[in-house]
Amino acid sequence: MATITRHADSSLSDEQQDFVSAIRDFAERERVTEVTGDADDHHSDEMASKMAELGWYGLTIDEEYGGSGGTFLDATLFLEEVAHGQIPVGGYGVTLIVTGALNRFGTDEQKQDLLGRVSKGGTLAIAMSEPDSGSDVASLKTSATLEDGEWVLNGAKMWCSYAHKASHTLIVCRTERTDNPHEGMSMIFVPHDAEGFTITPIKTLGGEETNELHLDGVRVPEDALLGTAGHGWTQLMAGLNNERVILGASALGLAQRAFDDALAYAKERKQFGRPIGTFQAIQHKFADMATDLAQVRLLVRWVARLTDEDPGRMLPQEASMVKLAATELAKRCALEGVQIMGGYGYASEYPMERYLRAAVVTTIYGGTSEIQKNIIAKTLGL
């Protein structure tokens, strides 16, 4: 049984439950885990286009820009099912983060162009981290200066997810020097055909996911600025609710996938004359994971609904709880899956070790688990 049934979540509308069923049917029909070719390439432009034709890629985009005008909850359902079905559109999550920023701060011209691309299956990326700036985002050094009606960008970015699949990257940079590191930051879109802009893939445990970017005198028009110059930090903070829930929803789908595969194995694999799932040591593992999956799913959807009720509401505690709980659960489910499947879980012939590699990074990107705990503690007045 996969993630949602009508009986299990009656709080979803009939339309939402049908939507979830349709994504599952799509994943089964496409047999995506067998036909994607390179197992380390997690994003297929062809698959993204197919899903865009069904109206699924523009879920949070208004109809006037080619989207479906859906809710943030709809997007989390989509993310969970895509991850569970192992549909290779890994770039969708970061694209959704940039889409949220465009919806909130973009001009009509930016929305017509960039959201229009996404609605057709296009990918967008965002670059925050730098070689010497990770969790401490405010310490970034990449600069942009305004010269003759153009922004001139110089610097380097690290760990930019799916930039190699994107048409544009939203660069978080410093447009003025101030005593306060949280001031003077801006967000500027750079098209990937811009002169002086280079993208270098980084080999990782999880495959082709992230990149190093170099900007050497890159020039873009003044209207490539997103929102207001110098307000980049405020704009970033406004989008963190969405980012953390987006990452949490994807991690939840991955956790459920690892659980489902391990459960199917435990019912079929026999040792000492009976299925290993009949041994209490294995049963307790599944009981704990199933309980945590139910809890995290409720948490993800609760925060998604809070966001839909008031998109401008700041939810630092709740969003960080989603990110922390879902990603740590994904890692634990995959690790337990490897343990339950034994040698078969460790072998690259089977997908469980791939789930583990994918899960490990979820506790690092988008704010580490330790950073999420810091935020939660701060909201408690500590």
Protein backbone atom coordinates (compact mmCIF):
# COMPACT_ATOMS: atom_id res chain seq x y z
CA MET A 1 0.00 0.00 0.00
CA ALA A 2 1.41 3.39 -0.93
CA THR A 3 0.99 6.65 0.90
CA ILE A 4 -2.65 7.72 0.80
CA THR A 5 -6.02 5.98 0.64
CA ARG A 6 -9.49 7.49 0.90
CA HIS A 7 -9.95 5.71 4.19
CA ALA A 8 -6.57 6.85 5.54
CA ASP A 9 -7.02 10.54 4.84
CA SER A 10 -10.62 11.66 4.56
CA SER A 11 -9.45 15.25 5.06
CA LEU A 12 -8.39 15.32 1.42
CA SER A 13 -11.07 16.30 -1.06
CA ASP A 14 -12.29 13.78 -3.63
CA GLU A 15 -10.46 15.79 -6.27
CA GLN A 16 -7.19 15.65 -4.31
CA GLN A 17 -7.51 11.91 -3.72
CA ASP A 18 -8.18 11.37 -7.43
CA PHE A 19 -5.13 13.51 -8.17
CA VAL A 20 -2.96 11.33 -5.96
CA SER A 21 -4.32 8.17 -7.62
CA ALA A 22 -3.57 9.63 -11.04
CA ILE A 23 0.08 10.27 -10.14
CA ARG A 24 0.42 6.71 -8.85
CA ASP A 25 -1.10 5.35 -12.03
CA PHE A 26 1.30 7.50 -14.05
CA ALA A 27 4.31 6.16 -12.14
CA GLU A 28 3.17 2.57 -12.61
CA ARG A 29 2.38 3.07 -16.28
CA GLU A 30 5.68 4.71 -17.10
CA ARG A 31 7.65 2.10 -15.15
CA VAL A 32 10.02 4.95 -14.46
CA THR A 33 12.48 3.08 -12.25
CA GLU A 34 13.27 0.68 -15.06
CA VAL A 35 13.39 2.97 -18.08
CA THR A 36 15.27 6.06 -16.94
CA GLY A 37 18.63 4.71 -18.05
CA ASP A 38 21.29 6.42 -15.91
CA ALA A 39 20.31 5.73 -12.31
CA ASP A 40 22.40 8.70 -11.15
CA ASP A 41 20.45 11.18 -13.32
CA HIS A 42 17.37 12.11 -11.30
CA HIS A 43 15.74 14.54 -13.71
CA SER A 44 14.33 13.80 -17.14
CA ASP A 45 13.19 16.76 -19.24
CA GLU A 46 11.03 14.34 -21.22
CA MET A 47 9.26 13.16 -18.08
CA ALA A 48 8.80 16.75 -16.90
CA SER A 49 7.19 17.64 -20.22
CA LYS A 50 4.80 14.70 -19.97
CA MET A 51 3.72 15.79 -16.50
CA ALA A 52 3.39 19.38 -17.66
CA GLU A 53 1.02 18.27 -20.42
CA LEU A 54 -1.20 16.84 -17.69
CA GLY A 55 -1.22 20.21 -15.93
CA TRP A 56 0.80 18.95 -12.98
CA TYR A 57 3.95 21.04 -13.32
CA GLY A 58 2.23 24.37 -12.86
CA LEU A 59 0.30 23.43 -9.74
CA THR A 60 1.06 26.62 -7.83
CA ILE A 61 1.06 28.89 -10.89
CA ASP A 62 -1.93 31.05 -11.83
CA GLU A 63 -3.81 30.10 -14.98
CA GLU A 64 -2.85 33.38 -16.67
CA TYR A 65 0.76 32.16 -16.68
CA GLY A 66 -0.10 28.68 -17.93
CA GLY A 67 -0.53 27.00 -14.57
CA SER A 68 -3.32 25.13 -12.81
CA GLY A 69 -3.92 27.58 -9.96
CA GLY A 70 -3.75 24.87 -7.31
CA THR A 71 -2.88 25.06 -3.63
CA PHE A 72 0.37 24.54 -1.77
CA LEU A 73 -1.18 21.40 -0.27
CA ASP A 74 -1.69 20.10 -3.82
CA ALA A 75 2.01 20.66 -4.45
CA THR A 76 3.02 18.70 -1.34
CA LEU A 77 0.81 15.80 -2.43
CA PHE A 78 2.51 15.89 -5.81
CA LEU A 79 5.99 16.00 -4.28
CA GLU A 80 5.27 13.08 -1.97
CA GLU A 81 3.91 10.90 -4.75
CA VAL A 82 6.66 11.80 -7.21
CA ALA A 83 9.28 10.79 -4.64
CA HIS A 84 7.40 7.63 -3.71
CA GLY A 85 6.93 6.66 -7.35
CA GLN A 86 10.57 7.46 -8.13
CA ILE A 87 9.49 9.62 -11.06
CA PRO A 88 12.68 11.31 -12.34
CA VAL A 89 11.76 14.98 -12.00
CA GLY A 90 14.21 15.78 -9.21
CA GLY A 91 14.46 19.39 -10.34
CA TYR A 92 10.81 20.06 -9.53
CA GLY A 93 11.36 20.73 -5.82
CA VAL A 94 13.89 23.55 -6.32
CA THR A 95 11.80 24.87 -9.21
CA LEU A 96 8.83 25.08 -6.85
CA ILE A 97 10.94 27.09 -4.40
CA VAL A 98 11.79 29.63 -7.11
CA THR A 99 8.17 29.62 -8.31
CA GLY A 100 7.08 30.66 -4.81
CA ALA A 101 9.51 33.58 -4.88
CA LEU A 102 8.26 34.64 -8.32
CA ASN A 103 4.63 34.43 -7.24
CA ARG A 104 5.39 36.71 -4.33
CA PHE A 105 7.93 39.19 -5.67
CA GLY A 106 8.09 38.82 -9.46
CA THR A 107 6.97 41.39 -12.02
CA ASP A 108 4.32 40.47 -14.56
CA GLU A 109 7.01 40.24 -17.25
CA GLN A 110 9.10 37.87 -15.12
CA LYS A 111 6.07 35.72 -14.41
CA GLN A 112 5.02 35.57 -18.06
CA ASP A 113 8.49 34.39 -19.05
CA LEU A 114 9.73 32.22 -16.19
CA LEU A 115 6.47 30.80 -14.83
CA GLY A 116 5.44 30.16 -18.41
CA ARG A 117 8.57 28.03 -18.83
CA VAL A 118 7.84 26.07 -15.66
CA SER A 119 4.25 25.38 -16.70
CA LYS A 120 5.65 23.67 -19.80
CA GLY A 121 8.02 21.49 -17.77
CA GLY A 122 10.98 23.84 -17.41
CA THR A 123 13.40 23.93 -14.49
CA LEU A 124 14.60 26.92 -12.43
CA ALA A 125 17.36 26.92 -9.79
CA ILE A 126 18.41 29.09 -6.86
CA ALA A 127 21.98 29.66 -5.63
CA MET A 128 22.62 30.65 -2.03
CA SER A 129 25.60 28.68 -0.66
CA GLU A 130 29.19 29.58 -1.51
CA PRO A 131 32.58 27.90 -0.92
CA ASP A 132 32.84 29.70 2.45
CA SER A 133 29.15 30.32 3.12
CA GLY A 134 26.78 27.48 3.95
CA SER A 135 24.52 27.55 7.00
CA ASP A 136 25.63 31.16 7.55
CA VAL A 137 23.98 32.46 4.37
CA ALA A 138 24.45 36.10 5.39
CA SER A 139 28.23 35.72 5.01
CA LEU A 140 27.98 35.33 1.22
CA LYS A 141 30.35 37.40 -0.93
CA THR A 142 29.06 37.10 -4.51
CA SER A 143 28.52 40.68 -5.66
CA ALA A 144 26.40 42.54 -8.17
CA THR A 145 26.88 46.16 -9.16
CA LEU A 146 24.66 48.28 -11.37
CA GLU A 147 26.50 49.66 -14.41
CA ASP A 148 24.82 51.41 -17.34
CA GLY A 149 21.48 49.73 -16.75
CA GLU A 150 22.93 46.25 -16.22
CA TRP A 151 23.80 44.18 -13.18
CA VAL A 152 27.39 42.90 -13.26
CA LEU A 153 27.85 39.78 -11.13
CA ASN A 154 31.08 38.29 -9.82
CA GLY A 155 31.63 35.38 -7.48
CA ALA A 156 31.18 31.67 -6.96
CA LYS A 157 28.31 29.52 -5.73
CA MET A 158 28.31 25.95 -4.43
CA TRP A 159 25.78 23.14 -4.07
CA CYS A 160 23.30 24.59 -6.56
CA SER A 161 20.73 21.83 -7.04
CA TYR A 162 19.74 21.03 -10.63
CA ALA A 163 21.32 24.15 -12.12
CA HIS A 164 22.56 21.88 -14.92
CA LYS A 165 18.92 21.25 -15.85
CA ALA A 166 17.66 24.83 -15.48
CA SER A 167 17.21 27.70 -17.92
CA HIS A 168 17.80 30.36 -15.24
CA THR A 169 19.31 30.48 -11.76
CA LEU A 170 18.23 32.96 -9.11
CA ILE A 171 21.50 34.26 -7.66
CA VAL A 172 21.46 35.51 -4.07
CA CYS A 173 24.15 38.19 -4.00
CA ARG A 174 25.35 41.34 -2.29
CA THR A 175 24.45 44.60 -4.04
CA GLU A 176 25.72 46.90 -1.30
CA ARG A 177 28.13 46.67 1.63
CA THR A 178 26.69 47.41 5.06
CA ASP A 179 27.67 46.83 8.68
CA ASN A 180 24.68 44.52 9.03
CA PRO A 181 25.32 41.33 6.98
CA HIS A 182 21.57 40.77 6.59
CA GLU A 183 21.22 44.04 4.71
CA GLY A 184 22.32 44.85 1.17
CA MET A 185 21.48 41.43 -0.29
CA SER A 186 19.49 41.00 -3.49
CA MET A 187 18.20 38.23 -5.77
CA ILE A 188 18.95 38.37 -9.50
CA PHE A 189 17.99 35.97 -12.29
CA VAL A 190 20.83 34.85 -14.57
CA PRO A 191 20.03 33.01 -17.82
CA HIS A 192 22.36 30.09 -18.43
CA ASP A 193 23.51 31.36 -21.80
CA ALA A 194 24.94 34.52 -20.21
CA GLU A 195 28.57 35.19 -21.06
CA GLY A 196 30.92 34.55 -18.14
CA PHE A 197 28.54 32.13 -16.43
CA THR A 198 29.82 28.57 -15.99
CA ILE A 199 28.25 25.51 -14.37
CA THR A 200 30.43 22.65 -13.14
CA PRO A 201 28.74 19.45 -11.89
CA ILE A 202 29.84 18.13 -8.49
CA LYS A 203 30.08 14.37 -8.13
CA THR A 204 28.14 13.26 -5.07
CA LEU A 205 27.02 10.16 -3.22
CA GLY A 206 23.56 10.64 -4.73
CA GLY A 207 24.54 11.17 -8.36
CA GLU A 208 23.93 14.15 -10.64
CA GLU A 209 22.21 16.61 -8.35
CA THR A 210 24.29 19.67 -7.61
CA ASN A 211 26.75 22.11 -9.13
CA GLU A 212 29.39 24.76 -8.63
CA LEU A 213 28.70 28.08 -10.36
CA HIS A 214 31.16 30.77 -11.39
CA LEU A 215 30.17 34.30 -12.37
CA ASP A 216 32.93 36.26 -14.06
CA GLY A 217 31.63 39.69 -14.99
CA VAL A 218 28.22 38.28 -15.92
CA ARG A 219 25.93 41.02 -17.25
CA VAL A 220 22.15 40.87 -17.07
CA PRO A 221 19.50 43.59 -17.57
CA GLU A 222 18.45 45.72 -14.62
CA ASP A 223 14.99 44.13 -14.72
CA ALA A 224 16.51 40.71 -13.90
CA LEU A 225 16.30 41.79 -10.25
CA LEU A 226 13.64 39.94 -8.26
CA GLY A 227 11.73 42.18 -5.89
CA THR A 228 13.60 45.11 -4.34
CA ALA A 229 17.35 45.71 -4.31
CA GLY A 230 18.82 45.27 -0.85
CA HIS A 231 15.82 43.29 0.43
CA GLY A 232 17.12 39.86 -0.51
CA TRP A 233 17.37 38.63 3.07
CA THR A 234 13.76 39.53 3.83
CA GLN A 235 12.65 37.86 0.60
CA LEU A 236 14.61 34.73 1.47
CA MET A 237 13.09 34.54 4.92
CA ALA A 238 9.60 34.93 3.43
CA GLY A 239 10.15 31.82 1.34
CA LEU A 240 11.64 29.54 3.98
CA ASN A 241 8.25 28.18 5.07
CA ASN A 242 7.65 26.87 1.57
CA GLU A 243 11.19 25.61 1.05
CA ARG A 244 11.26 23.51 4.21
CA VAL A 245 7.83 22.01 3.59
CA ILE A 246 8.73 21.28 -0.04
CA LEU A 247 11.85 19.41 1.06
CA GLY A 248 9.92 17.68 3.82
CA ALA A 249 7.18 16.46 1.47
CA SER A 250 9.73 14.94 -0.89
CA ALA A 251 11.57 13.29 2.01
CA LEU A 252 8.27 11.85 3.24
CA GLY A 253 7.66 10.22 -0.14
CA LEU A 254 11.15 8.74 -0.10
CA ALA A 255 10.67 7.44 3.45
CA GLN A 256 7.42 5.76 2.45
CA ARG A 257 9.08 4.19 -0.59
CA ALA A 258 11.86 2.69 1.50
CA PHE A 259 9.27 1.43 4.00
CA ASP A 260 7.07 -0.13 1.32
CA ASP A 261 9.95 -1.93 -0.39
CA ALA A 262 11.31 -3.25 2.91
CA LEU A 263 7.84 -4.40 3.98
CA ALA A 264 7.26 -6.29 0.73
CA TYR A 265 10.66 -7.97 1.15
CA ALA A 266 9.95 -8.93 4.79
CA LYS A 267 6.74 -10.66 3.74
CA GLU A 268 8.44 -12.70 1.02
CA ARG A 269 11.93 -13.43 2.34
CA LYS A 270 12.08 -16.66 4.35
CA GLN A 271 14.68 -17.71 6.89
CA PHE A 272 14.45 -20.48 9.47
CA GLY A 273 11.39 -21.77 7.66
CA ARG A 274 9.21 -18.63 7.82
CA PRO A 275 9.00 -15.05 6.49
CA ILE A 276 11.37 -12.72 8.31
CA GLY A 277 8.45 -10.36 8.93
CA THR A 278 7.09 -12.84 11.46
CA PHE A 279 10.05 -12.20 13.76
CA GLN A 280 9.29 -9.68 16.48
CA ALA A 281 12.59 -7.83 16.01
CA ILE A 282 11.55 -7.01 12.44
CA GLN A 283 7.91 -6.35 13.32
CA HIS A 284 8.86 -3.69 15.86
CA LYS A 285 10.96 -1.86 13.28
CA PHE A 286 7.95 -1.63 10.98
CA ALA A 287 5.60 -0.65 13.80
CA ASP A 288 7.86 2.27 14.76
CA MET A 289 8.35 3.42 11.17
CA ALA A 290 4.65 3.17 10.30
CA THR A 291 3.74 5.27 13.32
CA ASP A 292 6.32 7.91 12.47
CA LEU A 293 5.21 8.01 8.83
CA ALA A 294 1.63 8.71 9.91
CA GLN A 295 2.77 11.45 12.28
CA VAL A 296 5.03 13.16 9.75
CA ARG A 297 2.35 13.02 7.04
CA LEU A 298 -0.07 14.83 9.34
CA LEU A 299 2.62 17.40 10.15
CA VAL A 300 3.43 18.08 6.49
CA ARG A 301 -0.21 18.56 5.54
CA TRP A 302 -1.01 20.65 8.58
CA VAL A 303 1.72 23.16 7.77
CA ALA A 304 0.80 23.13 4.06
CA ARG A 305 -2.78 24.01 5.00
CA LEU A 306 -1.59 26.77 7.33
CA THR A 307 0.40 28.18 4.42
CA ASP A 308 -2.62 28.08 2.12
CA GLU A 309 -4.73 29.88 4.72
CA ASP A 310 -2.26 32.78 4.82
CA PRO A 311 0.69 32.60 2.36
CA GLY A 312 2.30 35.59 4.08
CA ARG A 313 2.32 33.98 7.52
CA MET A 314 5.75 33.17 8.95
CA LEU A 315 5.92 29.65 10.40
CA PRO A 316 9.54 29.19 11.47
CA GLN A 317 8.81 26.61 14.17
CA GLU A 318 6.31 24.53 12.23
CA ALA A 319 8.22 24.55 8.93
CA SER A 320 11.48 23.60 10.66
CA MET A 321 9.68 20.75 12.42
CA VAL A 322 8.53 19.46 9.03
CA LYS A 323 12.03 19.61 7.56
CA LEU A 324 13.63 18.01 10.62
CA ALA A 325 11.10 15.24 11.13
CA ALA A 326 10.63 14.23 7.49
CA THR A 327 14.28 14.16 6.46
CA GLU A 328 15.49 12.32 9.55
CA LEU A 329 12.68 9.80 9.00
CA ALA A 330 13.70 9.30 5.37
CA LYS A 331 17.24 8.53 6.46
CA ARG A 332 16.08 6.14 9.18
CA CYS A 333 13.61 4.28 6.95
CA ALA A 334 16.23 3.77 4.27
CA LEU A 335 18.86 2.65 6.78
CA GLU A 336 16.41 0.24 8.42
CA GLY A 337 15.48 -0.96 4.93
CA VAL A 338 19.10 -1.84 4.23
CA GLN A 339 19.34 -3.66 7.56
CA ILE A 340 16.11 -5.60 7.00
CA MET A 341 17.11 -6.64 3.48
CA GLY A 342 20.63 -7.55 4.56
CA GLY A 343 23.01 -8.17 1.65
CA TYR A 344 20.25 -7.46 -0.85
CA GLY A 345 19.74 -4.04 0.72
CA TYR A 346 23.44 -3.28 0.34
CA ALA A 347 23.70 -4.52 -3.25
CA SER A 348 23.45 -1.92 -6.02
CA GLU A 349 21.29 -4.37 -8.00
CA TYR A 350 18.41 -3.40 -5.69
CA PRO A 351 17.14 0.16 -5.06
CA MET A 352 17.36 0.28 -1.27
CA GLU A 353 20.97 1.45 -1.17
CA ARG A 354 20.01 4.16 -3.66
CA TYR A 355 17.23 5.31 -1.32
CA LEU A 356 19.77 5.56 1.48
CA ARG A 357 22.14 7.66 -0.62
CA ALA A 358 19.27 9.94 -1.59
CA ALA A 359 18.04 10.25 2.00
CA VAL A 360 21.35 11.21 3.58
CA VAL A 361 21.57 14.57 1.80
CA THR A 362 18.02 15.58 2.75
CA THR A 363 19.22 16.18 6.31
CA ILE A 364 21.93 18.52 4.97
CA TYR A 365 20.53 20.73 2.22
CA GLY A 366 17.96 23.46 2.81
CA GLY A 367 19.27 23.91 6.35
CA THR A 368 20.82 21.00 8.24
CA SER A 369 18.95 19.11 10.93
CA GLU A 370 21.08 20.92 13.48
CA ILE A 371 20.06 24.30 12.07
CA GLN A 372 16.39 23.27 12.17
CA LYS A 373 16.78 22.34 15.85
CA ASN A 374 18.39 25.71 16.52
CA ILE A 375 15.43 27.48 14.92
CA ILE A 376 12.87 25.42 16.84
CA ALA A 377 14.71 26.06 20.12
CA LYS A 378 14.82 29.79 19.36
CA THR A 379 11.04 29.87 18.84
CA LEU A 380 10.71 28.33 22.29
CA GLY A 381 12.53 31.30 23.78
CA LEU A 382 15.80 29.47 24.35
